[in-house]
Protein backbone atom coordinates (compact mmCIF):
# COMPACT_ATOMS: atom_id res chain seq x y z
CA MET A 1 -3.53 18.96 -3.12
CA GLY A 2 -7.24 19.58 -2.62
CA VAL A 3 -9.54 18.98 0.32
CA ARG A 4 -8.71 15.95 2.44
CA GLY A 5 -11.38 13.84 4.05
CA TRP A 6 -12.71 10.34 4.53
CA VAL A 7 -14.97 8.22 2.42
CA TYR A 8 -16.57 5.75 4.79
CA ILE A 9 -19.06 2.91 5.16
CA ILE A 10 -21.35 2.91 8.18
CA SER A 11 -23.88 0.30 9.24
CA ASN A 12 -26.55 -0.03 11.90
CA GLU A 13 -28.00 -3.27 13.31
CA ALA A 14 -31.44 -1.65 13.21
CA MET A 15 -31.20 -1.67 9.39
CA PRO A 16 -29.87 -5.12 8.47
CA GLY A 17 -28.43 -5.41 4.99
CA LEU A 18 -28.11 -1.64 4.52
CA ILE A 19 -24.92 0.37 4.53
CA LYS A 20 -24.32 4.09 4.31
CA VAL A 21 -21.57 5.36 2.04
CA GLY A 22 -20.63 8.91 2.88
CA TYR A 23 -17.80 11.36 3.27
CA SER A 24 -16.61 13.65 6.02
CA THR A 25 -13.75 16.01 6.66
CA LYS A 26 -13.69 14.82 10.26
CA ASP A 27 -13.05 11.39 11.70
CA PRO A 28 -15.75 8.92 10.57
CA VAL A 29 -16.03 7.53 14.09
CA LEU A 30 -17.14 10.99 15.23
CA ARG A 31 -19.62 11.07 12.34
CA ALA A 32 -21.05 7.69 13.37
CA ASP A 33 -21.37 8.97 16.93
CA GLU A 34 -23.29 12.02 15.66
CA LEU A 35 -25.68 9.77 13.74
CA SER A 36 -26.15 7.56 16.80
CA HIS A 37 -27.74 10.54 18.56
CA THR A 38 -30.47 10.94 15.94
CA GLY A 39 -32.97 8.60 17.58
CA SER A 40 -31.84 5.26 16.17
CA PRO A 41 -32.43 2.31 18.50
CA ARG A 42 -28.89 1.03 17.77
CA GLU A 43 -25.52 2.71 17.40
CA TYR A 44 -23.97 3.36 14.01
CA VAL A 45 -20.72 1.50 13.36
CA VAL A 46 -17.92 2.50 10.99
CA GLU A 47 -17.14 -0.56 8.89
CA TYR A 48 -14.51 0.98 6.61
CA ASP A 49 -12.86 4.32 5.99
CA LEU A 50 -10.26 5.71 3.62
CA LEU A 51 -8.57 9.10 3.76
CA VAL A 52 -8.52 10.69 0.31
CA THR A 53 -8.21 13.98 -1.48
CA GLU A 54 -11.50 15.36 -2.85
CA PRO A 55 -13.70 13.04 -0.74
CA ARG A 56 -16.98 14.50 -1.99
CA ASP A 57 -16.04 13.71 -5.60
CA ILE A 58 -15.12 10.14 -4.67
CA GLU A 59 -18.34 9.72 -2.69
CA GLN A 60 -20.42 10.93 -5.65
CA LYS A 61 -18.64 8.52 -8.02
CA VAL A 62 -19.25 5.65 -5.61
CA HIS A 63 -22.93 6.59 -5.31
CA GLN A 64 -23.25 6.60 -9.11
CA SER A 65 -21.51 3.24 -9.37
CA LEU A 66 -23.78 1.71 -6.70
CA ALA A 67 -26.96 3.29 -8.09
CA ASN A 68 -28.49 -0.11 -8.89
CA VAL A 69 -28.44 -1.05 -5.18
CA ARG A 70 -29.39 2.36 -3.78
CA GLU A 71 -32.19 2.32 -1.21
CA GLY A 72 -32.31 6.07 -0.73
CA LYS A 73 -29.91 9.00 -0.44
CA GLU A 74 -26.65 7.52 0.88
CA TRP A 75 -28.00 4.07 1.81
CA PHE A 76 -27.28 0.95 -0.24
CA ARG A 77 -28.26 -2.70 -0.03
CA CYS A 78 -25.05 -4.54 -0.81
CA LYS A 79 -22.21 -6.36 0.90
CA ILE A 80 -19.61 -4.27 2.63
CA SER A 81 -16.92 -5.92 0.52
CA HIS A 82 -18.64 -4.77 -2.70
CA ALA A 83 -18.83 -1.18 -1.48
CA VAL A 84 -15.19 -1.28 -0.31
CA GLU A 85 -14.02 -2.56 -3.68
CA THR A 86 -16.03 0.19 -5.39
CA ILE A 87 -14.47 2.86 -3.18
CA ARG A 88 -10.99 1.44 -3.73
CA SER A 89 -11.36 1.25 -7.50
CA LEU A 90 -12.70 4.80 -7.81
CA SER A 91 -10.14 6.38 -5.49
CA VAL A 92 -6.88 5.05 -6.92
CA ASN A 93 -5.46 8.51 -7.65
CA ASN A 94 -6.86 10.14 -4.49
CA ARG A 95 -5.79 7.79 -1.70
CA LEU A 96 -3.41 8.98 0.96
CA PRO A 97 -0.84 6.37 2.03
CA ASN A 98 -1.51 4.10 4.99
CA THR A 99 -4.97 5.53 5.71
CA GLU A 100 -7.26 2.62 4.85
CA TYR A 101 -9.09 0.96 7.72
CA LEU A 102 -11.39 -2.02 7.68
CA ARG A 103 -13.19 -2.10 11.01
CA THR A 104 -15.37 -5.19 10.63
CA PRO A 105 -15.17 -8.12 13.08
CA LEU A 106 -12.92 -10.04 10.65
CA ALA A 107 -10.52 -7.11 10.50
CA ARG A 108 -10.40 -6.89 14.25
CA LYS A 109 -9.32 -10.54 14.20
CA GLY A 110 -6.53 -9.68 11.76
CA TYR A 111 -7.98 -10.68 8.40
CA CYS A 112 -7.40 -8.78 5.20
CA ILE A 113 -10.36 -7.15 3.49
CA CYS A 114 -10.30 -9.92 0.89
CA GLY A 115 -10.93 -12.42 3.70
CA ARG A 116 -8.23 -14.77 2.44
CA GLU A 117 -5.39 -14.18 4.80
CA LYS A 118 -4.84 -13.53 8.45
CA ARG A 119 -1.83 -11.35 9.13
CA ASN A 120 -0.51 -9.00 11.73
CA TYR A 121 -1.19 -5.29 11.47
CA GLY A 122 0.63 -3.74 8.51
CA CYS A 123 1.52 -7.02 6.81
CA LYS A 124 0.92 -7.56 3.13
CA CYS A 125 -1.78 -10.06 2.16
CA VAL A 126 -1.51 -12.43 -0.81
CA CYS A 127 -3.93 -10.08 -2.60
CA GLY A 128 -1.32 -7.31 -2.35
CA ARG A 129 -3.08 -5.00 0.10
CA TYR A 130 -1.80 -3.44 3.27
CA ILE A 131 -4.67 -2.87 5.66
CA GLY A 132 -4.60 -1.13 9.02
CA PHE A 133 -6.81 -2.41 11.77
CA ASP A 134 -7.97 -0.52 14.81
């Protein structure tokens, strides 16, 4: 097994409509906290993260796949759900079990990433996913 790390999506209210897709070998919440100390008027928020093997490779594939909506470096103008689906589809062979977290307001209310079903933590949605919520 190679390097383990997270591929994540971060947003910031100061940049509406933009999301950052990145990777880190440390907890994405810590990464968002680091970014929040760079002079932004609002805090950065982790919207989604997935623990994978070879996170840099996955991040690069995601960046290539989202190139048509790239605003600059690691920033993209697209819906969170589109970026999540891109990450999920490009990381099929690299995902570590039970390490996918959707941290959006819907997730905190118990909804699956697909938005179709409200379930308790760890339940399986009609779309077939198991999603952990913080």
